[in-house]
Full PDB file with SEQRES, HELIX, SHEET, SSBOND, CRYST1, ORIGX, SCALE, CONECT and MASTER records, all heavy atoms in Angstrom:
SEQRES   1 A   31  TYR THR VAL TYR VAL ASN ASP LYS LYS LYS CYS GLY VAL          
SEQRES   2 A   31  THR LYS ARG THR PHE TYR ILE LEU ASP TYR PRO LYS TYR          
SEQRES   3 A   31  PHE THR PRO ASN GLY                                          
SHEET    1 AA1 2 THR A   2  ASN A   6  0                                        
SHEET    2 AA1 2 VAL A  13  THR A  17 -1                                        
CRYST1    1.000    1.000    1.000  90.00  90.00  90.00 P 1           1          
ORIGX1      1.000000  0.000000  0.000000        0.00000                         
ORIGX2      0.000000  1.000000  0.000000        0.00000                         
ORIGX3      0.000000  0.000000  1.000000        0.00000                         
SCALE1      1.000000  0.000000  0.000000        0.00000                         
SCALE2      0.000000  1.000000  0.000000        0.00000                         
SCALE3      0.000000  0.000000  1.000000        0.00000                         
ATOM      1  N   TYR A   1      -3.840 -33.341  -8.659  1.00  0.00           N  
ATOM      2  CA  TYR A   1      -4.322 -34.001  -9.864  1.00  0.00           C  
ATOM      3  C   TYR A   1      -3.645 -33.404 -11.082  1.00  0.00           C  
ATOM      4  O   TYR A   1      -3.278 -32.233 -11.079  1.00  0.00           O  
ATOM      5  CB  TYR A   1      -5.836 -33.832 -10.017  1.00  0.00           C  
ATOM      6  CG  TYR A   1      -6.634 -34.512  -8.939  1.00  0.00           C  
ATOM      7  CD1 TYR A   1      -6.955 -33.854  -7.758  1.00  0.00           C  
ATOM      8  CD2 TYR A   1      -7.066 -35.827  -9.088  1.00  0.00           C  
ATOM      9  CE1 TYR A   1      -7.674 -34.480  -6.763  1.00  0.00           C  
ATOM     10  CE2 TYR A   1      -7.790 -36.457  -8.100  1.00  0.00           C  
ATOM     11  CZ  TYR A   1      -8.093 -35.773  -6.938  1.00  0.00           C  
ATOM     12  OH  TYR A   1      -8.807 -36.392  -5.955  1.00  0.00           O  
ATOM     13  N   THR A   2      -3.504 -34.204 -12.129  1.00  0.00           N  
ATOM     14  CA  THR A   2      -3.016 -33.729 -13.413  1.00  0.00           C  
ATOM     15  C   THR A   2      -4.083 -34.007 -14.455  1.00  0.00           C  
ATOM     16  O   THR A   2      -4.583 -35.134 -14.558  1.00  0.00           O  
ATOM     17  CB  THR A   2      -1.702 -34.426 -13.817  1.00  0.00           C  
ATOM     18  OG1 THR A   2      -0.726 -34.185 -12.787  1.00  0.00           O  
ATOM     19  CG2 THR A   2      -1.176 -33.901 -15.136  1.00  0.00           C  
ATOM     20  N   VAL A   3      -4.445 -32.979 -15.205  1.00  0.00           N  
ATOM     21  CA  VAL A   3      -5.448 -33.096 -16.258  1.00  0.00           C  
ATOM     22  C   VAL A   3      -4.734 -32.997 -17.596  1.00  0.00           C  
ATOM     23  O   VAL A   3      -3.892 -32.113 -17.804  1.00  0.00           O  
ATOM     24  CB  VAL A   3      -6.499 -31.966 -16.147  1.00  0.00           C  
ATOM     25  CG1 VAL A   3      -7.449 -32.001 -17.328  1.00  0.00           C  
ATOM     26  CG2 VAL A   3      -7.262 -32.081 -14.856  1.00  0.00           C  
ATOM     27  N   TYR A   4      -5.073 -33.888 -18.499  1.00  0.00           N  
ATOM     28  CA  TYR A   4      -4.533 -33.875 -19.854  1.00  0.00           C  
ATOM     29  C   TYR A   4      -5.651 -33.489 -20.813  1.00  0.00           C  
ATOM     30  O   TYR A   4      -6.728 -34.090 -20.786  1.00  0.00           O  
ATOM     31  CB  TYR A   4      -3.993 -35.257 -20.232  1.00  0.00           C  
ATOM     32  CG  TYR A   4      -2.806 -35.679 -19.405  1.00  0.00           C  
ATOM     33  CD1 TYR A   4      -2.985 -36.310 -18.178  1.00  0.00           C  
ATOM     34  CD2 TYR A   4      -1.515 -35.442 -19.848  1.00  0.00           C  
ATOM     35  CE1 TYR A   4      -1.905 -36.691 -17.409  1.00  0.00           C  
ATOM     36  CE2 TYR A   4      -0.425 -35.829 -19.083  1.00  0.00           C  
ATOM     37  CZ  TYR A   4      -0.627 -36.453 -17.866  1.00  0.00           C  
ATOM     38  OH  TYR A   4       0.445 -36.826 -17.110  1.00  0.00           O  
ATOM     39  N   VAL A   5      -5.401 -32.486 -21.635  1.00  0.00           N  
ATOM     40  CA  VAL A   5      -6.380 -32.040 -22.621  1.00  0.00           C  
ATOM     41  C   VAL A   5      -5.854 -32.418 -23.995  1.00  0.00           C  
ATOM     42  O   VAL A   5      -4.768 -32.001 -24.397  1.00  0.00           O  
ATOM     43  CB  VAL A   5      -6.606 -30.513 -22.531  1.00  0.00           C  
ATOM     44  CG1 VAL A   5      -7.597 -30.065 -23.584  1.00  0.00           C  
ATOM     45  CG2 VAL A   5      -7.065 -30.133 -21.138  1.00  0.00           C  
ATOM     46  N   ASN A   6      -6.644 -33.225 -24.701  1.00  0.00           N  
ATOM     47  CA  ASN A   6      -6.261 -33.697 -26.032  1.00  0.00           C  
ATOM     48  C   ASN A   6      -7.130 -32.977 -27.062  1.00  0.00           C  
ATOM     49  O   ASN A   6      -8.344 -33.161 -27.092  1.00  0.00           O  
ATOM     50  CB  ASN A   6      -6.475 -35.213 -26.115  1.00  0.00           C  
ATOM     51  CG  ASN A   6      -5.948 -35.803 -27.404  1.00  0.00           C  
ATOM     52  OD1 ASN A   6      -5.297 -35.135 -28.177  1.00  0.00           O  
ATOM     53  ND2 ASN A   6      -6.237 -37.073 -27.607  1.00  0.00           N  
ATOM     54  N   ASP A   7      -6.507 -32.149 -27.876  1.00  0.00           N  
ATOM     55  CA  ASP A   7      -7.236 -31.393 -28.892  1.00  0.00           C  
ATOM     56  C   ASP A   7      -7.848 -32.358 -29.912  1.00  0.00           C  
ATOM     57  O   ASP A   7      -7.167 -33.222 -30.445  1.00  0.00           O  
ATOM     58  CB  ASP A   7      -6.282 -30.423 -29.585  1.00  0.00           C  
ATOM     59  CG  ASP A   7      -6.995 -29.486 -30.515  1.00  0.00           C  
ATOM     60  OD1 ASP A   7      -7.450 -29.961 -31.582  1.00  0.00           O  
ATOM     61  OD2 ASP A   7      -7.108 -28.300 -30.182  1.00  0.00           O  
ATOM     62  N   LYS A   8      -9.149 -32.208 -30.173  1.00  0.00           N  
ATOM     63  CA  LYS A   8      -9.841 -33.112 -31.097  1.00  0.00           C  
ATOM     64  C   LYS A   8      -9.393 -32.928 -32.544  1.00  0.00           C  
ATOM     65  O   LYS A   8      -9.617 -33.793 -33.377  1.00  0.00           O  
ATOM     66  CB  LYS A   8     -11.351 -32.916 -31.000  1.00  0.00           C  
ATOM     67  CG  LYS A   8     -11.921 -33.468 -29.714  1.00  0.00           C  
ATOM     68  CD  LYS A   8     -13.422 -33.379 -29.697  1.00  0.00           C  
ATOM     69  CE  LYS A   8     -13.970 -34.049 -28.472  1.00  0.00           C  
ATOM     70  NZ  LYS A   8     -15.424 -34.122 -28.478  1.00  0.00           N  
ATOM     71  N   LYS A   9      -8.753 -31.821 -32.846  1.00  0.00           N  
ATOM     72  CA  LYS A   9      -8.249 -31.575 -34.206  1.00  0.00           C  
ATOM     73  C   LYS A   9      -6.798 -32.020 -34.344  1.00  0.00           C  
ATOM     74  O   LYS A   9      -6.114 -31.640 -35.272  1.00  0.00           O  
ATOM     75  CB  LYS A   9      -8.399 -30.107 -34.553  1.00  0.00           C  
ATOM     76  CG  LYS A   9      -9.857 -29.689 -34.610  1.00  0.00           C  
ATOM     77  CD  LYS A   9      -9.998 -28.247 -35.001  1.00  0.00           C  
ATOM     78  CE  LYS A   9     -11.477 -27.875 -35.005  1.00  0.00           C  
ATOM     79  NZ  LYS A   9     -11.709 -26.502 -35.370  1.00  0.00           N  
ATOM     80  N   LYS A  10      -6.347 -32.825 -33.397  1.00  0.00           N  
ATOM     81  CA  LYS A  10      -5.007 -33.424 -33.403  1.00  0.00           C  
ATOM     82  C   LYS A  10      -3.887 -32.386 -33.351  1.00  0.00           C  
ATOM     83  O   LYS A  10      -2.835 -32.551 -33.952  1.00  0.00           O  
ATOM     84  CB  LYS A  10      -4.823 -34.324 -34.639  1.00  0.00           C  
ATOM     85  CG  LYS A  10      -5.908 -35.363 -34.832  1.00  0.00           C  
ATOM     86  CD  LYS A  10      -5.824 -36.430 -33.803  1.00  0.00           C  
ATOM     87  CE  LYS A  10      -6.845 -37.515 -34.123  1.00  0.00           C  
ATOM     88  NZ  LYS A  10      -7.512 -38.040 -33.015  1.00  0.00           N  
ATOM     89  N   CYS A  11      -4.125 -31.293 -32.614  1.00  0.00           N  
ATOM     90  CA  CYS A  11      -3.106 -30.254 -32.467  1.00  0.00           C  
ATOM     91  C   CYS A  11      -2.183 -30.499 -31.276  1.00  0.00           C  
ATOM     92  O   CYS A  11      -1.277 -29.730 -31.019  1.00  0.00           O  
ATOM     93  CB  CYS A  11      -3.760 -28.881 -32.331  1.00  0.00           C  
ATOM     94  SG  CYS A  11      -4.580 -28.340 -33.838  1.00  0.00           S  
ATOM     95  N   GLY A  12      -2.422 -31.546 -30.517  1.00  0.00           N  
ATOM     96  CA  GLY A  12      -1.535 -31.865 -29.409  1.00  0.00           C  
ATOM     97  C   GLY A  12      -2.243 -32.053 -28.089  1.00  0.00           C  
ATOM     98  O   GLY A  12      -3.457 -31.912 -27.983  1.00  0.00           O  
ATOM     99  N   VAL A  13      -1.444 -32.381 -27.102  1.00  0.00           N  
ATOM    100  CA  VAL A  13      -1.935 -32.632 -25.751  1.00  0.00           C  
ATOM    101  C   VAL A  13      -1.287 -31.612 -24.815  1.00  0.00           C  
ATOM    102  O   VAL A  13      -0.098 -31.351 -24.898  1.00  0.00           O  
ATOM    103  CB  VAL A  13      -1.578 -34.067 -25.291  1.00  0.00           C  
ATOM    104  CG1 VAL A  13      -1.957 -34.296 -23.849  1.00  0.00           C  
ATOM    105  CG2 VAL A  13      -2.234 -35.091 -26.200  1.00  0.00           C  
ATOM    106  N   THR A  14      -2.094 -31.060 -23.942  1.00  0.00           N  
ATOM    107  CA  THR A  14      -1.616 -30.136 -22.911  1.00  0.00           C  
ATOM    108  C   THR A  14      -1.952 -30.733 -21.563  1.00  0.00           C  
ATOM    109  O   THR A  14      -3.003 -31.350 -21.405  1.00  0.00           O  
ATOM    110  CB  THR A  14      -2.316 -28.766 -23.043  1.00  0.00           C  
ATOM    111  OG1 THR A  14      -2.037 -28.238 -24.336  1.00  0.00           O  
ATOM    112  CG2 THR A  14      -1.832 -27.804 -21.996  1.00  0.00           C  
ATOM    113  N   LYS A  15      -1.059 -30.544 -20.607  1.00  0.00           N  
ATOM    114  CA  LYS A  15      -1.362 -31.044 -19.268  1.00  0.00           C  
ATOM    115  C   LYS A  15      -1.231 -29.917 -18.253  1.00  0.00           C  
ATOM    116  O   LYS A  15      -0.431 -29.004 -18.419  1.00  0.00           O  
ATOM    117  CB  LYS A  15      -0.483 -32.225 -18.890  1.00  0.00           C  
ATOM    118  CG  LYS A  15       0.924 -31.897 -18.508  1.00  0.00           C  
ATOM    119  CD  LYS A  15       1.651 -33.139 -18.040  1.00  0.00           C  
ATOM    120  CE  LYS A  15       3.011 -32.762 -17.491  1.00  0.00           C  
ATOM    121  NZ  LYS A  15       3.686 -33.898 -16.904  1.00  0.00           N  
ATOM    122  N   ARG A  16      -2.070 -29.982 -17.212  1.00  0.00           N  
ATOM    123  CA  ARG A  16      -2.055 -29.019 -16.125  1.00  0.00           C  
ATOM    124  C   ARG A  16      -2.215 -29.766 -14.809  1.00  0.00           C  
ATOM    125  O   ARG A  16      -3.017 -30.686 -14.714  1.00  0.00           O  
ATOM    126  CB  ARG A  16      -3.206 -28.018 -16.243  1.00  0.00           C  
ATOM    127  CG  ARG A  16      -3.131 -27.098 -17.415  1.00  0.00           C  
ATOM    128  CD  ARG A  16      -2.101 -26.005 -17.140  1.00  0.00           C  
ATOM    129  NE  ARG A  16      -1.766 -25.313 -18.353  1.00  0.00           N  
ATOM    130  CZ  ARG A  16      -2.221 -24.127 -18.705  1.00  0.00           C  
ATOM    131  NH1 ARG A  16      -3.056 -23.502 -17.939  1.00  0.00           N  
ATOM    132  NH2 ARG A  16      -1.829 -23.576 -19.826  1.00  0.00           N  
ATOM    133  N   THR A  17      -1.463 -29.346 -13.817  1.00  0.00           N  
ATOM    134  CA  THR A  17      -1.588 -29.895 -12.473  1.00  0.00           C  
ATOM    135  C   THR A  17      -2.401 -28.914 -11.648  1.00  0.00           C  
ATOM    136  O   THR A  17      -2.236 -27.704 -11.755  1.00  0.00           O  
ATOM    137  CB  THR A  17      -0.204 -30.096 -11.848  1.00  0.00           C  
ATOM    138  OG1 THR A  17       0.529 -31.021 -12.656  1.00  0.00           O  
ATOM    139  CG2 THR A  17      -0.308 -30.643 -10.440  1.00  0.00           C  
ATOM    140  N   PHE A  18      -3.299 -29.432 -10.843  1.00  0.00           N  
ATOM    141  CA  PHE A  18      -4.085 -28.588  -9.958  1.00  0.00           C  
ATOM    142  C   PHE A  18      -4.273 -29.287  -8.627  1.00  0.00           C  
ATOM    143  O   PHE A  18      -4.034 -30.480  -8.489  1.00  0.00           O  
ATOM    144  CB  PHE A  18      -5.438 -28.207 -10.594  1.00  0.00           C  
ATOM    145  CG  PHE A  18      -6.400 -29.352 -10.736  1.00  0.00           C  
ATOM    146  CD1 PHE A  18      -7.358 -29.599  -9.778  1.00  0.00           C  
ATOM    147  CD2 PHE A  18      -6.349 -30.182 -11.857  1.00  0.00           C  
ATOM    148  CE1 PHE A  18      -8.250 -30.644  -9.915  1.00  0.00           C  
ATOM    149  CE2 PHE A  18      -7.245 -31.222 -11.995  1.00  0.00           C  
ATOM    150  CZ  PHE A  18      -8.191 -31.464 -11.025  1.00  0.00           C  
ATOM    151  N   TYR A  19      -4.679 -28.507  -7.641  1.00  0.00           N  
ATOM    152  CA  TYR A  19      -4.856 -29.014  -6.291  1.00  0.00           C  
ATOM    153  C   TYR A  19      -6.294 -28.783  -5.850  1.00  0.00           C  
ATOM    154  O   TYR A  19      -6.876 -27.739  -6.130  1.00  0.00           O  
ATOM    155  CB  TYR A  19      -3.945 -28.293  -5.299  1.00  0.00           C  
ATOM    156  CG  TYR A  19      -2.499 -28.378  -5.673  1.00  0.00           C  
ATOM    157  CD1 TYR A  19      -1.868 -27.322  -6.298  1.00  0.00           C  
ATOM    158  CD2 TYR A  19      -1.762 -29.526  -5.411  1.00  0.00           C  
ATOM    159  CE1 TYR A  19      -0.536 -27.402  -6.654  1.00  0.00           C  
ATOM    160  CE2 TYR A  19      -0.435 -29.618  -5.764  1.00  0.00           C  
ATOM    161  CZ  TYR A  19       0.173 -28.541  -6.382  1.00  0.00           C  
ATOM    162  OH  TYR A  19       1.491 -28.629  -6.732  1.00  0.00           O  
ATOM    163  N   ILE A  20      -6.835 -29.738  -5.149  1.00  0.00           N  
ATOM    164  CA  ILE A  20      -8.106 -29.554  -4.467  1.00  0.00           C  
ATOM    165  C   ILE A  20      -7.773 -29.473  -2.986  1.00  0.00           C  
ATOM    166  O   ILE A  20      -7.225 -30.404  -2.409  1.00  0.00           O  
ATOM    167  CB  ILE A  20      -9.081 -30.720  -4.746  1.00  0.00           C  
ATOM    168  CG1 ILE A  20      -9.446 -30.747  -6.220  1.00  0.00           C  
ATOM    169  CG2 ILE A  20     -10.318 -30.579  -3.866  1.00  0.00           C  
ATOM    170  CD1 ILE A  20     -10.342 -31.889  -6.610  1.00  0.00           C  
ATOM    171  N   LEU A  21      -8.053 -28.302  -2.417  1.00  0.00           N  
ATOM    172  CA  LEU A  21      -7.814 -28.087  -1.000  1.00  0.00           C  
ATOM    173  C   LEU A  21      -9.156 -28.128  -0.287  1.00  0.00           C  
ATOM    174  O   LEU A  21     -10.145 -27.600  -0.784  1.00  0.00           O  
ATOM    175  CB  LEU A  21      -7.130 -26.740  -0.784  1.00  0.00           C  
ATOM    176  CG  LEU A  21      -5.785 -26.571  -1.496  1.00  0.00           C  
ATOM    177  CD1 LEU A  21      -5.278 -25.160  -1.351  1.00  0.00           C  
ATOM    178  CD2 LEU A  21      -4.773 -27.567  -0.960  1.00  0.00           C  
ATOM    179  N   ASP A  22      -9.194 -28.729   0.867  1.00  0.00           N  
ATOM    180  CA  ASP A  22     -10.438 -28.869   1.611  1.00  0.00           C  
ATOM    181  C   ASP A  22     -10.261 -28.264   2.995  1.00  0.00           C  
ATOM    182  O   ASP A  22      -9.143 -28.078   3.467  1.00  0.00           O  
ATOM    183  CB  ASP A  22     -10.807 -30.349   1.718  1.00  0.00           C  
ATOM    184  CG  ASP A  22     -12.256 -30.571   2.096  1.00  0.00           C  
ATOM    185  OD1 ASP A  22     -13.039 -29.600   2.093  1.00  0.00           O  
ATOM    186  OD2 ASP A  22     -12.608 -31.716   2.411  1.00  0.00           O  
ATOM    187  N   TYR A  23     -11.367 -27.944   3.624  1.00  0.00           N  
ATOM    188  CA  TYR A  23     -11.331 -27.372   4.965  1.00  0.00           C  
ATOM    189  C   TYR A  23     -12.542 -27.868   5.744  1.00  0.00           C  
ATOM    190  O   TYR A  23     -13.567 -28.197   5.164  1.00  0.00           O  
ATOM    191  CB  TYR A  23     -11.315 -25.843   4.912  1.00  0.00           C  
ATOM    192  CG  TYR A  23     -12.523 -25.247   4.248  1.00  0.00           C  
ATOM    193  CD1 TYR A  23     -13.647 -24.897   4.995  1.00  0.00           C  
ATOM    194  CD2 TYR A  23     -12.559 -25.029   2.885  1.00  0.00           C  
ATOM    195  CE1 TYR A  23     -14.768 -24.352   4.391  1.00  0.00           C  
ATOM    196  CE2 TYR A  23     -13.676 -24.484   2.269  1.00  0.00           C  
ATOM    197  CZ  TYR A  23     -14.767 -24.148   3.026  1.00  0.00           C  
ATOM    198  OH  TYR A  23     -15.875 -23.615   2.425  1.00  0.00           O  
ATOM    199  N   PRO A  24     -12.426 -27.910   7.072  1.00  0.00           N  
ATOM    200  CA  PRO A  24     -13.573 -28.333   7.884  1.00  0.00           C  
ATOM    201  C   PRO A  24     -14.708 -27.314   7.792  1.00  0.00           C  
ATOM    202  O   PRO A  24     -14.468 -26.112   7.774  1.00  0.00           O  
ATOM    203  CB  PRO A  24     -13.021 -28.382   9.308  1.00  0.00           C  
ATOM    204  CG  PRO A  24     -11.551 -28.312   9.190  1.00  0.00           C  
ATOM    205  CD  PRO A  24     -11.241 -27.678   7.884  1.00  0.00           C  
ATOM    206  N   LYS A  25     -15.924 -27.786   7.766  1.00  0.00           N  
ATOM    207  CA  LYS A  25     -17.097 -26.900   7.723  1.00  0.00           C  
ATOM    208  C   LYS A  25     -17.402 -26.336   9.109  1.00  0.00           C  
ATOM    209  O   LYS A  25     -18.160 -25.395   9.246  1.00  0.00           O  
ATOM    210  CB  LYS A  25     -18.321 -27.646   7.185  1.00  0.00           C  
ATOM    211  CG  LYS A  25     -18.097 -28.329   5.843  1.00  0.00           C  
ATOM    212  CD  LYS A  25     -17.623 -27.373   4.772  1.00  0.00           C  
ATOM    213  CE  LYS A  25     -17.465 -28.102   3.456  1.00  0.00           C  
ATOM    214  NZ  LYS A  25     -16.164 -27.971   2.854  1.00  0.00           N  
ATOM    215  N   TYR A  26     -16.810 -26.932  10.136  1.00  0.00           N  
ATOM    216  CA  TYR A  26     -16.948 -26.442  11.502  1.00  0.00           C  
ATOM    217  C   TYR A  26     -15.753 -26.922  12.313  1.00  0.00           C  
ATOM    218  O   TYR A  26     -15.035 -27.840  11.908  1.00  0.00           O  
ATOM    219  CB  TYR A  26     -18.246 -26.933  12.151  1.00  0.00           C  
ATOM    220  CG  TYR A  26     -18.256 -28.413  12.409  1.00  0.00           C  
ATOM    221  CD1 TYR A  26     -17.836 -28.918  13.626  1.00  0.00           C  
ATOM    222  CD2 TYR A  26     -18.654 -29.308  11.420  1.00  0.00           C  
ATOM    223  CE1 TYR A  26     -17.814 -30.287  13.864  1.00  0.00           C  
ATOM    224  CE2 TYR A  26     -18.642 -30.671  11.650  1.00  0.00           C  
ATOM    225  CZ  TYR A  26     -18.228 -31.153  12.872  1.00  0.00           C  
ATOM    226  OH  TYR A  26     -18.192 -32.491  13.105  1.00  0.00           O  
ATOM    227  N   PHE A  27     -15.530 -26.283  13.457  1.00  0.00           N  
ATOM    228  CA  PHE A  27     -14.552 -26.794  14.406  1.00  0.00           C  
ATOM    229  C   PHE A  27     -15.007 -26.440  15.815  1.00  0.00           C  
ATOM    230  O   PHE A  27     -15.882 -25.594  16.014  1.00  0.00           O  
ATOM    231  CB  PHE A  27     -13.133 -26.313  14.085  1.00  0.00           C  
ATOM    232  CG  PHE A  27     -12.791 -24.906  14.477  1.00  0.00           C  
ATOM    233  CD1 PHE A  27     -11.832 -24.664  15.435  1.00  0.00           C  
ATOM    234  CD2 PHE A  27     -13.393 -23.813  13.856  1.00  0.00           C  
ATOM    235  CE1 PHE A  27     -11.484 -23.367  15.785  1.00  0.00           C  
ATOM    236  CE2 PHE A  27     -13.048 -22.530  14.192  1.00  0.00           C  
ATOM    237  CZ  PHE A  27     -12.096 -22.298  15.165  1.00  0.00           C  
ATOM    238  N   THR A  28     -14.439 -27.150  16.804  1.00  0.00           N  
ATOM    239  CA  THR A  28     -14.905 -27.034  18.193  1.00  0.00           C  
ATOM    240  C   THR A  28     -13.715 -26.857  19.133  1.00  0.00           C  
ATOM    241  O   THR A  28     -13.251 -27.823  19.734  1.00  0.00           O  
ATOM    242  CB  THR A  28     -15.694 -28.295  18.594  1.00  0.00           C  
ATOM    243  OG1 THR A  28     -14.848 -29.437  18.375  1.00  0.00           O  
ATOM    244  CG2 THR A  28     -16.964 -28.450  17.776  1.00  0.00           C  
ATOM    245  N   PRO A  29     -13.216 -25.637  19.281  1.00  0.00           N  
ATOM    246  CA  PRO A  29     -12.028 -25.427  20.128  1.00  0.00           C  
ATOM    247  C   PRO A  29     -12.358 -25.457  21.623  1.00  0.00           C  
ATOM    248  O   PRO A  29     -12.393 -24.433  22.298  1.00  0.00           O  
ATOM    249  CB  PRO A  29     -11.552 -24.039  19.688  1.00  0.00           C  
ATOM    250  CG  PRO A  29     -12.781 -23.342  19.250  1.00  0.00           C  
ATOM    251  CD  PRO A  29     -13.656 -24.406  18.646  1.00  0.00           C  
ATOM    252  N   ASN A  30     -12.595 -26.649  22.133  1.00  0.00           N  
ATOM    253  CA  ASN A  30     -12.986 -26.797  23.533  1.00  0.00           C  
ATOM    254  C   ASN A  30     -11.935 -27.531  24.367  1.00  0.00           C  
ATOM    255  O   ASN A  30     -12.205 -27.913  25.498  1.00  0.00           O  
ATOM    256  CB  ASN A  30     -14.342 -27.505  23.637  1.00  0.00           C  
ATOM    257  CG  ASN A  30     -14.331 -28.864  22.964  1.00  0.00           C  
ATOM    258  OD1 ASN A  30     -13.279 -29.348  22.559  1.00  0.00           O  
ATOM    259  ND2 ASN A  30     -15.489 -29.466  22.815  1.00  0.00           N  
ATOM    260  N   GLY A  31     -10.760 -27.770  23.787  1.00  0.00           N  
ATOM    261  CA  GLY A  31      -9.671 -28.373  24.547  1.00  0.00           C  
ATOM    262  C   GLY A  31      -9.689 -29.879  24.647  1.00  0.00           C  
ATOM    263  O   GLY A  31      -8.914 -30.452  25.404  1.00  0.00           O  
TER     264      GLY A  31                                                      
MASTER        0    0    0    0    2    0    0    6  263    1    0    3          
END                                                                             
């Protein structure tokens, strides 16, 4: 995702990219 932050005092826009990583809450290694 990319987030854009727009300063309310009209000082400019900054953008940042970030990642949301997910993982299984369980797993079943039974073949």
